Every structure is written in structure tokens, then in C-alpha cells.
């Protein structure tokens, strides 16, 4: 009767070591996919909001100026700006001090988060111009500040930043109200047909108080 060959300790360790990465790889891919999906979901609402907002600004500006030749290029720039804003919101949300006024009256977190988001987008837009100046146009780093002071369109940059502030104020207000009422409750409340019967509620309350 032949005996079944048994692996020694060294071969068993090698077999376990080779099997471990095979089991760990799907787990890592699953965690990475879940992380990317979470980041995408968090980035999607501000990106869509600012995509619509920026393109409306571009559309109305083109209608006022009757400048339709650069419309497509302007829409693409607005789309790129919306992506920059969406990524900036992700970066700002990772900062712990952003929730400093979460338990304060509602006006405080709205104004505070609006200013923080606006500042992060301001820095991100400056970095975008710096990267284009340095890495794409191959200009020396030392000439960036003179270039910004002499040839940069500060009027256009300031106008865009003002609109970003206004849009952020609207976005943060809606976001804080949605968080206050519960996730998704603000949308369901806004789309609800009819209004709650306040008169019957008030009548029952007054009747109960009188008794």
C-alpha cells in the first residue's frame, strides 16, 4: 500500500505564501473600487451643479454679446471649470476644520463652507494656470508672477470667482438644508404635490390645548 506524499514544512509555507496574494488581490481591488465609487458619488453633485451653472453663465453672456463663434470653446472651458470645482470640493471635504460650525446656527456653516470652498477653488485655479505656464508652455518658474501681473486677465478671473461665490452660496445652502432634513428629504419635499394640511393640525393642537 502506497502512502500519499506529504508536503514538508518548507513546501507548505511556500504554498501558503503563493496563495495569500491571490486571495488578497481581489480584496484590494474591491476596496479600491469602493473607494473610487464613493469619491465619484461625492464629486458628482457639485460637478453637475456647477456644470449647469457655468454653462448658463456662458450662454447668457454669449446671448448678450451676440458672440456665437466662440460658444463651443466657452462651453468646453465651463465644463473643465466644473470638473475643477468638483475636485476642489472633494479636497475641501477632507479637511477636518470644515465641520467646525456644524452645530452652530445654520447661517454660520453655510457662510463658512462657502468661503472655504471658494478659497480652495481660487488656489486650484491659480495652480492650474501655473501648471499650464510651466509644464505646457515651458516657461521659467521665475517669470510666472510677472506674467500674472502683466498679461493675465484679472478682470475675467475676478468675474468668474464672483460667480463661483454666488453658486457656492446656493449649493451649500441646499446641501445644508438637505443634511438638516435628512438625505434626500429636501428633494422629496420639493417635488411633493400639495401642501400639508396645517389648518387641521393647528385646529387639533388648539383643541387639545383647550381641553
Protein backbone atom coordinates (compact mmCIF):
# COMPACT_ATOMS: atom_id res chain seq x y z
CA UNK A 1 0.00 0.00 0.00
CA UNK A 2 1.45 3.31 -1.13
CA UNK A 3 1.42 6.24 1.19
CA UNK A 4 0.31 9.65 -0.03
CA UNK A 5 3.24 12.08 -0.22
CA UNK A 6 3.05 14.72 2.44
CA UNK A 7 4.38 18.26 1.96
CA UNK A 8 7.10 19.24 4.35
CA UNK A 9 7.00 22.50 6.30
CA UNK A 10 9.03 24.45 3.73
CA UNK A 11 6.75 23.49 0.84
CA UNK A 12 3.66 24.21 2.93
CA UNK A 13 4.92 27.70 3.73
CA UNK A 14 5.66 28.34 0.07
CA UNK A 15 2.18 27.15 -0.90
CA UNK A 16 0.55 29.41 1.70
CA UNK A 17 2.65 32.39 0.65
CA UNK A 18 1.74 31.90 -3.01
CA UNK A 19 -1.94 31.51 -2.20
CA UNK A 20 -2.10 34.59 0.03
CA UNK A 21 -1.54 37.26 -2.67
CA UNK A 22 -4.11 35.58 -4.90
CA UNK A 23 -6.70 35.98 -2.16
CA UNK A 24 -5.54 39.46 -1.17
CA UNK A 25 -5.62 40.89 -4.70
CA UNK A 26 -9.41 40.66 -5.21
CA UNK A 27 -9.95 42.17 -1.76
CA UNK A 28 -7.68 45.12 -2.57
CA UNK A 29 -9.36 45.64 -5.94
CA UNK A 30 -12.76 45.56 -4.25
CA UNK A 31 -11.72 48.13 -1.65
CA UNK A 32 -10.14 50.35 -4.30
CA UNK A 33 -13.26 50.15 -6.43
CA UNK A 34 -15.48 51.00 -3.46
CA UNK A 35 -13.24 53.98 -2.60
CA UNK A 36 -13.30 55.30 -6.18
CA UNK A 37 -17.07 54.84 -6.36
CA UNK A 38 -17.51 56.77 -3.11
CA UNK A 39 -15.27 59.59 -4.37
CA UNK A 40 -17.18 59.70 -7.66
CA UNK A 41 -20.54 59.89 -5.89
CA UNK A 42 -19.29 62.69 -3.64
CA UNK A 43 -17.83 64.61 -6.58
CA UNK A 44 -20.85 64.18 -8.89
CA UNK A 45 -23.41 66.59 -7.28
CA UNK A 46 -21.18 69.72 -7.20
CA UNK A 47 -19.81 68.92 -10.65
CA UNK A 48 -23.30 68.68 -12.19
CA UNK A 49 -24.47 71.78 -10.32
CA UNK A 50 -21.54 73.91 -11.46
CA UNK A 51 -21.62 72.42 -14.95
CA UNK A 52 -25.18 73.69 -15.35
CA UNK A 53 -24.40 76.99 -13.62
CA UNK A 54 -21.27 77.80 -15.62
CA UNK A 55 -22.86 76.88 -18.94
CA UNK A 56 -25.86 79.08 -18.15
CA UNK A 57 -23.48 81.96 -17.47
CA UNK A 58 -21.67 81.31 -20.75
CA UNK A 59 -24.93 81.02 -22.66
CA UNK A 60 -26.38 84.27 -21.31
CA UNK A 61 -23.06 86.08 -21.88
CA UNK A 62 -22.97 84.92 -25.50
CA UNK A 63 -26.59 85.99 -25.98
CA UNK A 64 -25.89 89.45 -24.58
CA UNK A 65 -22.73 89.93 -26.65
CA UNK A 66 -24.16 88.11 -29.70
CA UNK A 67 -20.84 86.23 -29.83
CA UNK A 68 -21.74 82.77 -31.07
CA UNK A 69 -18.43 81.89 -32.74
CA UNK A 70 -16.65 81.04 -29.50
CA UNK A 71 -19.67 79.36 -27.92
CA UNK A 72 -18.39 75.79 -28.22
CA UNK A 73 -14.96 76.65 -26.83
CA UNK A 74 -16.57 78.55 -23.96
CA UNK A 75 -18.82 75.62 -23.12
CA UNK A 76 -15.79 73.31 -23.01
CA UNK A 77 -13.98 75.73 -20.71
CA UNK A 78 -17.05 75.85 -18.47
CA UNK A 79 -17.13 72.05 -18.36
CA UNK A 80 -13.46 71.94 -17.40
CA UNK A 81 -14.04 74.56 -14.70
CA UNK A 82 -16.90 72.47 -13.29
CA UNK A 83 -14.58 69.47 -13.02
CA UNK A 84 -12.00 71.61 -11.20
CA UNK A 85 -14.69 72.79 -8.78
CA UNK A 86 -15.92 69.23 -8.18
CA UNK A 87 -12.41 68.04 -7.33
CA UNK A 88 -11.87 71.08 -5.11
CA UNK A 89 -15.00 70.18 -3.15
CA UNK A 90 -13.55 66.71 -2.53
CA UNK A 91 -10.30 68.24 -1.26
CA UNK A 92 -12.16 70.69 1.00
CA UNK A 93 -14.42 67.97 2.41
CA UNK A 94 -11.34 66.05 3.55
CA UNK A 95 -10.37 68.93 5.85
CA UNK A 96 -11.46 68.37 9.45
CA UNK A 97 -11.94 72.07 10.26
CA UNK A 98 -14.66 72.32 7.60
CA UNK A 99 -17.13 70.86 10.14
CA UNK A 100 -16.21 73.41 12.79
CA UNK A 101 -19.63 75.12 12.77
CA UNK A 102 -21.83 72.10 12.11
CA UNK A 103 -23.63 72.53 15.46
CA UNK A 104 -23.92 76.31 15.15
CA UNK A 105 -26.93 78.18 13.70
CA UNK A 106 -27.44 77.28 10.06
CA UNK A 107 -26.17 80.58 8.65
CA UNK A 108 -22.70 80.02 10.13
CA UNK A 109 -21.81 76.70 8.44
CA UNK A 110 -23.32 77.96 5.18
CA UNK A 111 -21.15 81.09 5.09
CA UNK A 112 -18.07 79.34 6.45
CA UNK A 113 -18.19 76.45 3.96
CA UNK A 114 -18.92 78.84 1.11
CA UNK A 115 -15.79 80.86 1.90
CA UNK A 116 -13.65 77.72 2.31
CA UNK A 117 -14.87 76.19 -0.95
CA UNK A 118 -14.33 79.50 -2.72
CA UNK A 119 -10.77 79.78 -1.38
CA UNK A 120 -9.90 76.21 -2.38
CA UNK A 121 -11.20 76.81 -5.91
CA UNK A 122 -9.24 80.08 -6.05
CA UNK A 123 -5.99 78.26 -5.21
CA UNK A 124 -6.83 75.40 -7.60
CA UNK A 125 -7.41 77.81 -10.48
CA UNK A 126 -4.11 79.58 -9.80
CA UNK A 127 -2.33 76.20 -9.71
CA UNK A 128 -3.99 75.27 -12.99
CA UNK A 129 -2.61 78.42 -14.66
CA UNK A 130 0.81 77.81 -13.08
CA UNK A 131 0.98 74.22 -14.37
CA UNK A 132 -0.04 75.35 -17.84
CA UNK A 133 2.56 78.17 -17.76
CA UNK A 134 5.37 75.92 -16.54
CA UNK A 135 4.79 72.42 -17.89
CA UNK A 136 2.78 73.01 -21.06
CA UNK A 137 4.16 76.32 -22.31
CA UNK A 138 7.69 75.55 -20.98
CA UNK A 139 8.24 78.94 -19.36
CA UNK A 140 10.65 79.52 -16.45
CA UNK A 141 9.08 79.42 -13.00
CA UNK A 142 10.54 82.80 -12.06
CA UNK A 143 8.56 84.53 -14.83
CA UNK A 144 5.17 83.34 -13.58
CA UNK A 145 4.49 86.28 -11.25
CA UNK A 146 5.49 88.95 -13.83
CA UNK A 147 3.35 87.12 -16.37
CA UNK A 148 0.38 87.12 -13.98
CA UNK A 149 0.78 90.81 -13.24
CA UNK A 150 1.24 91.98 -16.83
CA UNK A 151 -0.69 89.73 -19.23
CA UNK A 152 -3.14 87.78 -17.08
CA UNK A 153 -6.83 88.71 -17.48
CA UNK A 154 -7.61 89.57 -13.87
CA UNK A 155 -11.00 91.08 -14.75
CA UNK A 156 -12.19 87.81 -16.25
CA UNK A 157 -10.66 85.82 -13.39
CA UNK A 158 -12.38 88.03 -10.79
CA UNK A 159 -15.73 87.84 -12.60
CA UNK A 160 -15.57 84.03 -12.61
CA UNK A 161 -14.63 83.99 -8.92
CA UNK A 162 -17.62 86.20 -8.08
CA UNK A 163 -19.95 83.79 -9.88
CA UNK A 164 -18.28 80.85 -8.13
CA UNK A 165 -19.00 82.53 -4.78
CA UNK A 166 -22.68 83.03 -5.69
CA UNK A 167 -23.08 79.47 -6.98
CA UNK A 168 -21.33 78.05 -3.91
CA UNK A 169 -23.67 80.00 -1.65
CA UNK A 170 -26.66 78.39 -3.41
CA UNK A 171 -25.07 74.93 -3.43
CA UNK A 172 -24.02 74.97 0.24
CA UNK A 173 -27.42 76.27 1.34
CA UNK A 174 -29.18 73.43 -0.48
CA UNK A 175 -26.65 70.92 0.85
CA UNK A 176 -27.03 72.06 4.47
CA UNK A 177 -30.83 72.04 4.24
CA UNK A 178 -30.70 68.54 2.78
CA UNK A 179 -28.45 67.45 5.65
CA UNK A 180 -30.79 69.12 8.17
CA UNK A 181 -33.95 67.45 6.84
CA UNK A 182 -32.22 64.11 6.13
CA UNK A 183 -30.58 62.75 2.99
CA UNK A 184 -32.99 63.01 0.07
CA UNK A 185 -35.79 64.56 2.11
CA UNK A 186 -35.30 68.02 0.61
CA UNK A 187 -35.78 66.68 -2.91
CA UNK A 188 -38.84 64.67 -1.94
CA UNK A 189 -40.28 67.67 -0.09
CA UNK A 190 -39.67 69.94 -3.08
CA UNK A 191 -41.31 67.52 -5.53
CA UNK A 192 -44.25 66.68 -3.27
CA UNK A 193 -47.64 67.56 -4.74
CA UNK A 194 -49.80 69.70 -2.47
CA UNK A 195 -49.04 71.08 0.96
CA UNK A 196 -49.55 69.59 4.38
CA UNK A 197 -52.89 70.43 5.96
CA UNK A 198 -51.67 72.93 8.54
CA UNK A 199 -55.17 74.13 9.45
CA UNK A 200 -56.29 70.72 10.65
CA UNK A 201 -53.07 70.30 12.57
CA UNK A 202 -53.44 73.70 14.17
CA UNK A 203 -57.10 73.02 14.96
CA UNK A 204 -56.32 69.73 16.65
CA UNK A 205 -53.48 71.33 18.58
CA UNK A 206 -55.69 74.16 19.80
CA UNK A 207 -58.44 71.69 20.71
CA UNK A 208 -56.05 69.58 22.71
CA UNK A 209 -54.66 72.65 24.48
CA UNK A 210 -58.14 73.89 25.35
CA UNK A 211 -59.04 70.55 26.89
